[in-house]
Structure formats: structure tokens, C-alpha cells
Amino acid sequence: MKCVPFACAAAMLMPASAAFAQATAAPRAVTRADFVRNLDQRFNSADTNHDGKVTKDEVLAQQRRDLDQGKARLAQTLQAKFKQLDTNRDGQLSLQEFMAAAPPIRTAETPEQMIQHYDTNHDGVVSAEEFRAPELVKFNRVDTNHDGIVTPAEVKAAAGMK
């Protein structure tokens, strides 16, 4: 049986649940010693015959264990969420129970904030020109070749500049 090169094996050994946790957790400082300790734990977990090498079969087995563990955690999370939504505890979700979980939708600004943002002459109302002016500034910023047309390429380029 052929051994998988260490670099490939190390990448494949990261459990799906650990990858998800890293992606969703707030960044934190990690010492080199902790990093190496974690690498060694992951390698040793996959090296089931403890010969200091990880084979293709051992990687496959580790992936299966990680998938099973991830599925179990996902099932627990979904079951807990279902129980939370099933307010009458009948084991079924009605449309009303499901819809009650929807987050409220609100405007980003109050009317006062919008007026304050656009009302450049401070008369308490927004004219069409006052409304148009800051939006045209945005259009002109995206229209990099100043031809009066914003192309998908210009939109993509502008999105990348942010």
C-alpha cells in the first residue's frame, strides 16, 4: 500500500467540524507550540497503526470518522432548532411556527436619518436634486471610463476596490 505524502495527508486530516469551527469562530492568537500539538494530534488520530505514516486507507478512514462526527453534530443542532421552533410540542412544524422564527425585517435608516443624509440645504425636505446628487457620485465613481454607461466589468472592479 502506498503512503500519502505528509503535506497532502495533513491537509486531508483536518476534520470537517474543525474546519467549520475555524471558519465561524472569532480569530485568536495561536502559538507555534499549540499549532504543532494540534497537527500532531490530527496526524496521530489518522495513523491508526501508529507506524508514523498515514496511508491512503487511513486517510479514508479518518475522513469517514470526521464525516460521521460532523453529521452527528449537525443532527443535534437541527433537532435542537426543531424543538425550539415546535412551540406546541406536537413533533410537527406548522407554517405559523416556522414563520414565527423569521427574523424581523427593518429599514436601515429612520426617516429622520434619511432626510438628514440627503437634505443638503437643511430645509427639512429632500428635493429630487438632493436625492439624485449623492447617487450620481456613486454612479460616476463606478463609471471609470466616464462614458455614461456602467458595465458589469466596472461593477465588478468597483466591488473589488472596497
N, C-alpha and C. Protein backbone atom coordinates (compact mmCIF):
# COMPACT_ATOMS: atom_id res chain seq x y z
N MET A 1 0.84 -1.18 0.00
CA MET A 1 0.00 0.00 0.00
C MET A 1 0.88 1.24 0.00
N LYS A 2 0.56 2.21 -0.81
CA LYS A 2 1.36 3.40 -0.98
C LYS A 2 1.00 4.44 0.09
N CYS A 3 2.00 5.11 0.66
CA CYS A 3 1.76 6.15 1.65
C CYS A 3 1.47 7.47 0.96
N VAL A 4 0.59 8.24 1.56
CA VAL A 4 0.26 9.56 1.06
C VAL A 4 1.34 10.52 1.55
N PRO A 5 1.85 11.40 0.70
CA PRO A 5 2.84 12.37 1.18
C PRO A 5 2.28 13.17 2.35
N PHE A 6 3.16 13.51 3.29
CA PHE A 6 2.72 14.16 4.52
C PHE A 6 1.96 15.45 4.26
N ALA A 7 2.41 16.25 3.32
CA ALA A 7 1.74 17.53 3.07
C ALA A 7 0.29 17.32 2.65
N CYS A 8 0.05 16.36 1.78
CA CYS A 8 -1.32 16.08 1.35
C CYS A 8 -2.13 15.50 2.49
N ALA A 9 -1.51 14.60 3.23
CA ALA A 9 -2.21 13.97 4.34
C ALA A 9 -2.62 15.01 5.39
N ALA A 10 -1.71 15.93 5.68
CA ALA A 10 -2.02 16.95 6.70
C ALA A 10 -3.23 17.77 6.29
N ALA A 11 -3.30 18.11 5.03
CA ALA A 11 -4.45 18.88 4.54
C ALA A 11 -5.73 18.08 4.62
N MET A 12 -5.62 16.78 4.36
CA MET A 12 -6.81 15.94 4.34
C MET A 12 -7.26 15.54 5.74
N LEU A 13 -6.36 15.66 6.71
CA LEU A 13 -6.69 15.20 8.05
C LEU A 13 -7.53 16.17 8.85
N MET A 14 -7.62 17.41 8.41
CA MET A 14 -8.39 18.38 9.17
C MET A 14 -9.85 17.97 9.15
N PRO A 15 -10.42 17.68 10.30
CA PRO A 15 -11.82 17.28 10.34
C PRO A 15 -12.72 18.38 9.81
N ALA A 16 -13.80 17.96 9.16
CA ALA A 16 -14.76 18.93 8.63
C ALA A 16 -15.31 19.81 9.74
N SER A 17 -15.55 19.22 10.90
CA SER A 17 -16.09 20.00 12.01
C SER A 17 -15.07 21.03 12.50
N ALA A 18 -13.78 20.68 12.49
CA ALA A 18 -12.75 21.62 12.91
C ALA A 18 -12.64 22.75 11.90
N ALA A 19 -12.73 22.42 10.62
CA ALA A 19 -12.67 23.45 9.58
C ALA A 19 -13.84 24.41 9.73
N PHE A 20 -15.03 23.87 10.00
CA PHE A 20 -16.20 24.73 10.19
C PHE A 20 -16.02 25.60 11.43
N ALA A 21 -15.52 25.03 12.51
CA ALA A 21 -15.32 25.79 13.74
C ALA A 21 -14.34 26.93 13.50
N GLN A 22 -13.26 26.67 12.74
CA GLN A 22 -12.29 27.72 12.46
C GLN A 22 -12.92 28.83 11.63
N ALA A 23 -13.77 28.45 10.69
CA ALA A 23 -14.38 29.44 9.80
C ALA A 23 -15.38 30.31 10.54
N THR A 24 -16.03 29.78 11.58
CA THR A 24 -17.08 30.53 12.26
C THR A 24 -16.62 31.16 13.58
N ALA A 25 -15.50 30.71 14.14
CA ALA A 25 -15.02 31.22 15.41
C ALA A 25 -14.28 32.54 15.20
N ALA A 26 -14.29 33.36 16.23
CA ALA A 26 -13.55 34.61 16.17
C ALA A 26 -12.06 34.28 16.12
N PRO A 27 -11.28 35.02 15.33
CA PRO A 27 -9.85 34.76 15.26
C PRO A 27 -9.20 34.94 16.62
N ARG A 28 -8.22 34.08 16.90
CA ARG A 28 -7.49 34.21 18.16
C ARG A 28 -6.03 33.89 17.89
N ALA A 29 -5.17 34.32 18.77
CA ALA A 29 -3.75 34.06 18.64
C ALA A 29 -3.48 32.58 18.92
N VAL A 30 -2.57 31.99 18.15
CA VAL A 30 -2.19 30.60 18.33
C VAL A 30 -0.67 30.53 18.37
N THR A 31 -0.15 29.91 19.40
CA THR A 31 1.30 29.76 19.48
C THR A 31 1.75 28.67 18.53
N ARG A 32 3.01 28.71 18.15
CA ARG A 32 3.56 27.68 17.29
C ARG A 32 3.46 26.32 17.98
N ALA A 33 3.74 26.29 19.28
CA ALA A 33 3.67 25.02 20.03
C ALA A 33 2.26 24.44 20.00
N ASP A 34 1.24 25.28 20.19
CA ASP A 34 -0.14 24.80 20.12
C ASP A 34 -0.48 24.31 18.71
N PHE A 35 0.00 25.04 17.72
CA PHE A 35 -0.26 24.66 16.34
C PHE A 35 0.35 23.29 16.03
N VAL A 36 1.60 23.10 16.44
CA VAL A 36 2.28 21.82 16.21
C VAL A 36 1.59 20.71 16.99
N ARG A 37 1.19 20.99 18.22
CA ARG A 37 0.49 19.99 19.04
C ARG A 37 -0.80 19.55 18.36
N ASN A 38 -1.52 20.51 17.79
CA ASN A 38 -2.76 20.19 17.07
C ASN A 38 -2.48 19.36 15.82
N LEU A 39 -1.44 19.73 15.08
CA LEU A 39 -1.06 18.95 13.90
C LEU A 39 -0.73 17.51 14.29
N ASP A 40 0.07 17.36 15.36
CA ASP A 40 0.46 16.02 15.80
C ASP A 40 -0.75 15.20 16.25
N GLN A 41 -1.68 15.84 16.95
CA GLN A 41 -2.89 15.12 17.38
C GLN A 41 -3.69 14.65 16.18
N ARG A 42 -3.84 15.52 15.17
CA ARG A 42 -4.58 15.14 13.98
C ARG A 42 -3.88 14.01 13.23
N PHE A 43 -2.54 14.09 13.14
CA PHE A 43 -1.79 13.04 12.45
C PHE A 43 -1.92 11.72 13.21
N ASN A 44 -1.72 11.77 14.52
CA ASN A 44 -1.78 10.54 15.33
C ASN A 44 -3.16 9.92 15.31
N SER A 45 -4.18 10.74 15.21
CA SER A 45 -5.54 10.23 15.12
C SER A 45 -5.75 9.44 13.84
N ALA A 46 -5.15 9.91 12.76
CA ALA A 46 -5.28 9.21 11.48
C ALA A 46 -4.35 8.00 11.38
N ASP A 47 -3.20 8.07 12.03
CA ASP A 47 -2.22 6.99 11.97
C ASP A 47 -2.64 5.88 12.93
N THR A 48 -3.65 5.12 12.55
CA THR A 48 -4.26 4.15 13.46
C THR A 48 -3.35 2.99 13.82
N ASN A 49 -2.40 2.63 12.97
CA ASN A 49 -1.48 1.54 13.33
C ASN A 49 -0.20 2.07 13.97
N HIS A 50 -0.11 3.38 14.16
CA HIS A 50 0.99 4.05 14.88
C HIS A 50 2.37 3.70 14.33
N ASP A 51 2.47 3.67 12.98
CA ASP A 51 3.77 3.40 12.37
C ASP A 51 4.47 4.67 11.91
N GLY A 52 3.88 5.84 12.22
CA GLY A 52 4.50 7.11 11.85
C GLY A 52 4.22 7.51 10.41
N LYS A 53 3.33 6.78 9.74
CA LYS A 53 2.97 7.08 8.35
C LYS A 53 1.46 6.99 8.22
N VAL A 54 0.93 7.82 7.34
CA VAL A 54 -0.50 7.80 7.08
C VAL A 54 -0.71 7.28 5.67
N THR A 55 -1.43 6.19 5.56
CA THR A 55 -1.71 5.60 4.25
C THR A 55 -3.02 6.14 3.70
N LYS A 56 -3.25 5.85 2.45
CA LYS A 56 -4.49 6.27 1.80
C LYS A 56 -5.70 5.70 2.54
N ASP A 57 -5.61 4.44 2.96
CA ASP A 57 -6.72 3.81 3.69
C ASP A 57 -6.95 4.49 5.04
N GLU A 58 -5.87 4.89 5.71
CA GLU A 58 -6.03 5.57 7.00
C GLU A 58 -6.66 6.95 6.81
N VAL A 59 -6.29 7.65 5.74
CA VAL A 59 -6.90 8.94 5.45
C VAL A 59 -8.38 8.76 5.17
N LEU A 60 -8.72 7.75 4.39
CA LEU A 60 -10.12 7.47 4.08
C LEU A 60 -10.90 7.16 5.36
N ALA A 61 -10.33 6.35 6.22
CA ALA A 61 -11.00 6.02 7.48
C ALA A 61 -11.18 7.26 8.35
N GLN A 62 -10.17 8.14 8.39
CA GLN A 62 -10.27 9.38 9.18
C GLN A 62 -11.35 10.28 8.60
N GLN A 63 -11.40 10.37 7.29
CA GLN A 63 -12.44 11.18 6.66
C GLN A 63 -13.83 10.66 7.01
N ARG A 64 -13.98 9.35 7.01
CA ARG A 64 -15.29 8.77 7.37
C ARG A 64 -15.64 9.09 8.82
N ARG A 65 -14.66 8.98 9.72
CA ARG A 65 -14.92 9.31 11.13
C ARG A 65 -15.31 10.78 11.27
N ASP A 66 -14.59 11.64 10.56
CA ASP A 66 -14.89 13.07 10.62
C ASP A 66 -16.27 13.37 10.06
N LEU A 67 -16.62 12.73 8.95
CA LEU A 67 -17.95 12.93 8.38
C LEU A 67 -19.04 12.45 9.33
N ASP A 68 -18.84 11.28 9.91
CA ASP A 68 -19.83 10.76 10.87
C ASP A 68 -19.99 11.71 12.05
N GLN A 69 -18.86 12.21 12.55
CA GLN A 69 -18.90 13.15 13.68
C GLN A 69 -19.61 14.45 13.27
N GLY A 70 -19.30 14.96 12.08
CA GLY A 70 -19.96 16.17 11.59
C GLY A 70 -21.45 15.98 11.40
N LYS A 71 -21.85 14.83 10.85
CA LYS A 71 -23.27 14.54 10.67
C LYS A 71 -23.99 14.47 12.01
N ALA A 72 -23.36 13.84 13.00
CA ALA A 72 -23.97 13.74 14.33
C ALA A 72 -24.17 15.12 14.94
N ARG A 73 -23.15 15.98 14.82
CA ARG A 73 -23.27 17.34 15.36
C ARG A 73 -24.35 18.13 14.64
N LEU A 74 -24.41 17.98 13.32
CA LEU A 74 -25.44 18.68 12.55
C LEU A 74 -26.83 18.18 12.94
N ALA A 75 -26.98 16.87 13.11
CA ALA A 75 -28.28 16.31 13.52
C ALA A 75 -28.69 16.87 14.88
N GLN A 76 -27.74 16.96 15.82
CA GLN A 76 -28.05 17.52 17.15
C GLN A 76 -28.51 18.97 17.03
N THR A 77 -27.80 19.74 16.22
CA THR A 77 -28.14 21.15 16.05
C THR A 77 -29.52 21.29 15.43
N LEU A 78 -29.79 20.50 14.39
CA LEU A 78 -31.10 20.58 13.74
C LEU A 78 -32.23 20.13 14.66
N GLN A 79 -31.98 19.08 15.43
CA GLN A 79 -33.01 18.62 16.37
C GLN A 79 -33.30 19.68 17.42
N ALA A 80 -32.25 20.33 17.91
CA ALA A 80 -32.45 21.39 18.91
C ALA A 80 -33.23 22.55 18.31
N LYS A 81 -32.90 22.92 17.08
CA LYS A 81 -33.61 24.03 16.43
C LYS A 81 -35.08 23.64 16.18
N PHE A 82 -35.30 22.39 15.75
CA PHE A 82 -36.67 21.93 15.53
C PHE A 82 -37.47 22.02 16.83
N LYS A 83 -36.89 21.55 17.93
CA LYS A 83 -37.59 21.60 19.22
C LYS A 83 -37.89 23.04 19.63
N GLN A 84 -36.96 23.93 19.31
CA GLN A 84 -37.17 25.35 19.63
C GLN A 84 -38.34 25.92 18.82
N LEU A 85 -38.43 25.53 17.55
CA LEU A 85 -39.50 26.05 16.69
C LEU A 85 -40.85 25.41 16.96
N ASP A 86 -40.85 24.16 17.41
CA ASP A 86 -42.09 23.41 17.66
C ASP A 86 -42.67 23.85 19.00
N THR A 87 -43.26 25.03 19.01
CA THR A 87 -43.70 25.64 20.26
C THR A 87 -44.84 24.88 20.94
N ASN A 88 -45.67 24.17 20.18
CA ASN A 88 -46.75 23.42 20.82
C ASN A 88 -46.35 21.97 21.11
N ARG A 89 -45.11 21.63 20.83
CA ARG A 89 -44.51 20.32 21.17
C ARG A 89 -45.29 19.13 20.62
N ASP A 90 -45.80 19.27 19.39
CA ASP A 90 -46.54 18.15 18.79
C ASP A 90 -45.68 17.34 17.82
N GLY A 91 -44.39 17.67 17.71
CA GLY A 91 -43.49 16.93 16.82
C GLY A 91 -43.63 17.32 15.37
N GLN A 92 -44.38 18.38 15.10
CA GLN A 92 -44.56 18.86 13.72
C GLN A 92 -44.45 20.38 13.72
N LEU A 93 -43.98 20.91 12.60
CA LEU A 93 -43.91 22.36 12.47
C LEU A 93 -45.05 22.84 11.59
N SER A 94 -45.83 23.72 12.15
CA SER A 94 -46.86 24.36 11.33
C SER A 94 -46.22 25.55 10.62
N LEU A 95 -46.90 26.05 9.63
CA LEU A 95 -46.39 27.22 8.93
C LEU A 95 -46.25 28.39 9.90
N GLN A 96 -47.19 28.52 10.83
CA GLN A 96 -47.13 29.62 11.80
C GLN A 96 -45.89 29.49 12.69
N GLU A 97 -45.59 28.27 13.16
CA GLU A 97 -44.39 28.07 13.99
C GLU A 97 -43.13 28.39 13.19
N PHE A 98 -43.10 27.94 11.95
CA PHE A 98 -41.94 28.17 11.11
C PHE A 98 -41.76 29.66 10.84
N MET A 99 -42.84 30.34 10.47
CA MET A 99 -42.78 31.77 10.15
C MET A 99 -42.44 32.61 11.38
N ALA A 100 -42.82 32.16 12.56
CA ALA A 100 -42.52 32.91 13.77
C ALA A 100 -41.02 33.01 14.01
N ALA A 101 -40.26 32.10 13.45
CA ALA A 101 -38.81 32.11 13.63
C ALA A 101 -38.11 33.07 12.68
N ALA A 102 -38.82 33.61 11.70
CA ALA A 102 -38.21 34.53 10.74
C ALA A 102 -37.76 35.79 11.45
N PRO A 103 -36.56 36.26 11.13
CA PRO A 103 -36.10 37.50 11.77
C PRO A 103 -36.91 38.68 11.28
N PRO A 104 -37.08 39.68 12.12
CA PRO A 104 -37.84 40.86 11.69
C PRO A 104 -37.08 41.60 10.58
N ILE A 105 -37.83 42.18 9.68
CA ILE A 105 -37.23 42.97 8.61
C ILE A 105 -37.48 44.43 8.93
N ARG A 106 -36.41 45.19 8.91
CA ARG A 106 -36.50 46.61 9.24
C ARG A 106 -35.73 47.42 8.21
N THR A 107 -36.03 48.69 8.16
CA THR A 107 -35.27 49.58 7.28
C THR A 107 -33.93 49.88 7.93
N ALA A 108 -32.96 50.21 7.12
CA ALA A 108 -31.62 50.50 7.62
C ALA A 108 -31.57 51.85 8.34
N GLU A 109 -32.41 52.77 7.91
CA GLU A 109 -32.40 54.12 8.48
C GLU A 109 -33.81 54.55 8.84
N THR A 110 -33.89 55.41 9.82
CA THR A 110 -35.18 56.01 10.14
C THR A 110 -35.46 57.11 9.11
N PRO A 111 -36.71 57.52 8.98
CA PRO A 111 -37.00 58.64 8.05
C PRO A 111 -36.18 59.89 8.38
N GLU A 112 -35.99 60.14 9.66
CA GLU A 112 -35.21 61.32 10.06
C GLU A 112 -33.76 61.21 9.59
N GLN A 113 -33.20 60.01 9.70
CA GLN A 113 -31.82 59.81 9.25
C GLN A 113 -31.70 59.96 7.74
N MET A 114 -32.69 59.47 7.02
CA MET A 114 -32.66 59.61 5.56
C MET A 114 -32.74 61.08 5.15
N ILE A 115 -33.65 61.81 5.78
CA ILE A 115 -33.79 63.24 5.47
C ILE A 115 -32.47 63.95 5.78
N GLN A 116 -31.90 63.67 6.94
CA GLN A 116 -30.65 64.30 7.34
C GLN A 116 -29.53 63.98 6.34
N HIS A 117 -29.50 62.75 5.85
CA HIS A 117 -28.46 62.33 4.92
C HIS A 117 -28.55 63.08 3.59
N TYR A 118 -29.76 63.22 3.05
CA TYR A 118 -29.93 63.81 1.72
C TYR A 118 -30.19 65.31 1.72
N ASP A 119 -30.72 65.86 2.80
CA ASP A 119 -31.14 67.27 2.85
C ASP A 119 -29.93 68.19 3.01
N THR A 120 -29.28 68.46 1.90
CA THR A 120 -28.03 69.25 1.96
C THR A 120 -28.26 70.72 2.29
N ASN A 121 -29.44 71.25 1.98
CA ASN A 121 -29.69 72.66 2.31
C ASN A 121 -30.43 72.82 3.65
N HIS A 122 -30.65 71.72 4.33
CA HIS A 122 -31.23 71.69 5.69
C HIS A 122 -32.57 72.43 5.80
N ASP A 123 -33.43 72.22 4.79
CA ASP A 123 -34.76 72.83 4.86
C ASP A 123 -35.82 71.84 5.34
N GLY A 124 -35.39 70.62 5.73
CA GLY A 124 -36.31 69.64 6.28
C GLY A 124 -36.99 68.75 5.27
N VAL A 125 -36.74 68.97 3.99
CA VAL A 125 -37.31 68.14 2.93
C VAL A 125 -36.20 67.80 1.93
N VAL A 126 -36.43 66.76 1.15
CA VAL A 126 -35.44 66.34 0.16
C VAL A 126 -36.00 66.58 -1.23
N SER A 127 -35.29 67.38 -1.99
CA SER A 127 -35.70 67.63 -3.38
C SER A 127 -35.15 66.49 -4.25
N ALA A 128 -35.67 66.41 -5.46
CA ALA A 128 -35.19 65.39 -6.40
C ALA A 128 -33.69 65.56 -6.65
N GLU A 129 -33.23 66.80 -6.74
CA GLU A 129 -31.81 67.06 -6.98
C GLU A 129 -30.96 66.62 -5.78
N GLU A 130 -31.43 66.89 -4.57
CA GLU A 130 -30.69 66.45 -3.38
C GLU A 130 -30.63 64.93 -3.31
N PHE A 131 -31.72 64.27 -3.69
CA PHE A 131 -31.76 62.80 -3.67
C PHE A 131 -30.82 62.22 -4.72
N ARG A 132 -30.80 62.85 -5.88
CA ARG A 132 -30.03 62.35 -7.02
C ARG A 132 -28.53 62.57 -6.83
N ALA A 133 -28.11 63.67 -6.26
CA ALA A 133 -26.70 64.07 -6.22
C ALA A 133 -25.76 63.00 -5.63
N PRO A 134 -25.99 62.49 -4.42
CA PRO A 134 -25.03 61.51 -3.89
C PRO A 134 -25.06 60.18 -4.66
N GLU A 135 -26.20 59.86 -5.24
CA GLU A 135 -26.30 58.62 -6.01
C GLU A 135 -25.54 58.76 -7.33
N LEU A 136 -25.57 59.95 -7.93
CA LEU A 136 -24.80 60.18 -9.15
C LEU A 136 -23.30 60.14 -8.88
N VAL A 137 -22.90 60.59 -7.70
CA VAL A 137 -21.48 60.50 -7.32
C VAL A 137 -21.06 59.03 -7.31
N LYS A 138 -21.90 58.17 -6.76
CA LYS A 138 -21.60 56.73 -6.75
C LYS A 138 -21.52 56.18 -8.17
N PHE A 139 -22.49 56.56 -9.02
CA PHE A 139 -22.51 56.11 -10.41
C PHE A 139 -21.22 56.53 -11.11
N ASN A 140 -20.86 57.78 -10.95
CA ASN A 140 -19.67 58.31 -11.62
C ASN A 140 -18.39 57.63 -11.13
N ARG A 141 -18.37 57.26 -9.87
CA ARG A 141 -17.20 56.57 -9.32
C ARG A 141 -17.04 55.19 -9.96
N VAL A 142 -18.15 54.51 -10.22
CA VAL A 142 -18.11 53.18 -10.82
C VAL A 142 -17.84 53.28 -12.32
N ASP A 143 -18.36 54.30 -12.98
CA ASP A 143 -18.18 54.50 -14.42
C ASP A 143 -16.77 55.03 -14.68
N THR A 144 -15.79 54.12 -14.59
CA THR A 144 -14.39 54.53 -14.61
C THR A 144 -13.95 55.14 -15.94
N ASN A 145 -14.55 54.75 -17.05
CA ASN A 145 -14.16 55.35 -18.33
C ASN A 145 -15.02 56.56 -18.68
N HIS A 146 -15.94 56.92 -17.81
CA HIS A 146 -16.77 58.13 -17.93
C HIS A 146 -17.52 58.22 -19.26
N ASP A 147 -18.06 57.06 -19.71
CA ASP A 147 -18.84 57.07 -20.95
C ASP A 147 -20.34 57.11 -20.68
N GLY A 148 -20.74 57.23 -19.42
CA GLY A 148 -22.16 57.30 -19.08
C GLY A 148 -22.83 55.94 -19.02
N ILE A 149 -22.05 54.87 -19.08
CA ILE A 149 -22.58 53.51 -19.02
C ILE A 149 -21.76 52.72 -18.00
N VAL A 150 -22.45 52.11 -17.06
CA VAL A 150 -21.76 51.25 -16.09
C VAL A 150 -21.91 49.82 -16.58
N THR A 151 -20.79 49.23 -16.91
CA THR A 151 -20.78 47.86 -17.42
C THR A 151 -20.61 46.87 -16.26
N PRO A 152 -20.96 45.60 -16.49
CA PRO A 152 -20.72 44.59 -15.45
C PRO A 152 -19.26 44.54 -15.01
N ALA A 153 -18.34 44.74 -15.93
CA ALA A 153 -16.92 44.73 -15.59
C ALA A 153 -16.59 45.88 -14.64
N GLU A 154 -17.19 47.06 -14.87
CA GLU A 154 -16.95 48.19 -13.97
C GLU A 154 -17.54 47.95 -12.59
N VAL A 155 -18.70 47.32 -12.55
CA VAL A 155 -19.33 46.99 -11.26
C VAL A 155 -18.43 46.02 -10.49
N LYS A 156 -17.94 45.00 -11.20
CA LYS A 156 -17.07 44.02 -10.57
C LYS A 156 -15.78 44.67 -10.07
N ALA A 157 -15.20 45.55 -10.87
CA ALA A 157 -13.98 46.25 -10.47
C ALA A 157 -14.24 47.14 -9.25
N ALA A 158 -15.39 47.81 -9.23
CA ALA A 158 -15.73 48.68 -8.10
C ALA A 158 -15.94 47.85 -6.83
N ALA A 159 -16.55 46.69 -6.97
CA ALA A 159 -16.79 45.84 -5.81
C ALA A 159 -15.46 45.35 -5.24
N GLY A 160 -14.48 45.13 -6.09
CA GLY A 160 -13.18 44.68 -5.64
C GLY A 160 -12.37 45.76 -4.95
N MET A 161 -12.70 47.02 -5.18
CA MET A 161 -11.98 48.14 -4.58
C MET A 161 -12.36 48.39 -3.15
N LYS A 162 -13.49 47.88 -2.70
CA LYS A 162 -13.98 48.19 -1.36
C LYS A 162 -13.18 47.55 -0.31
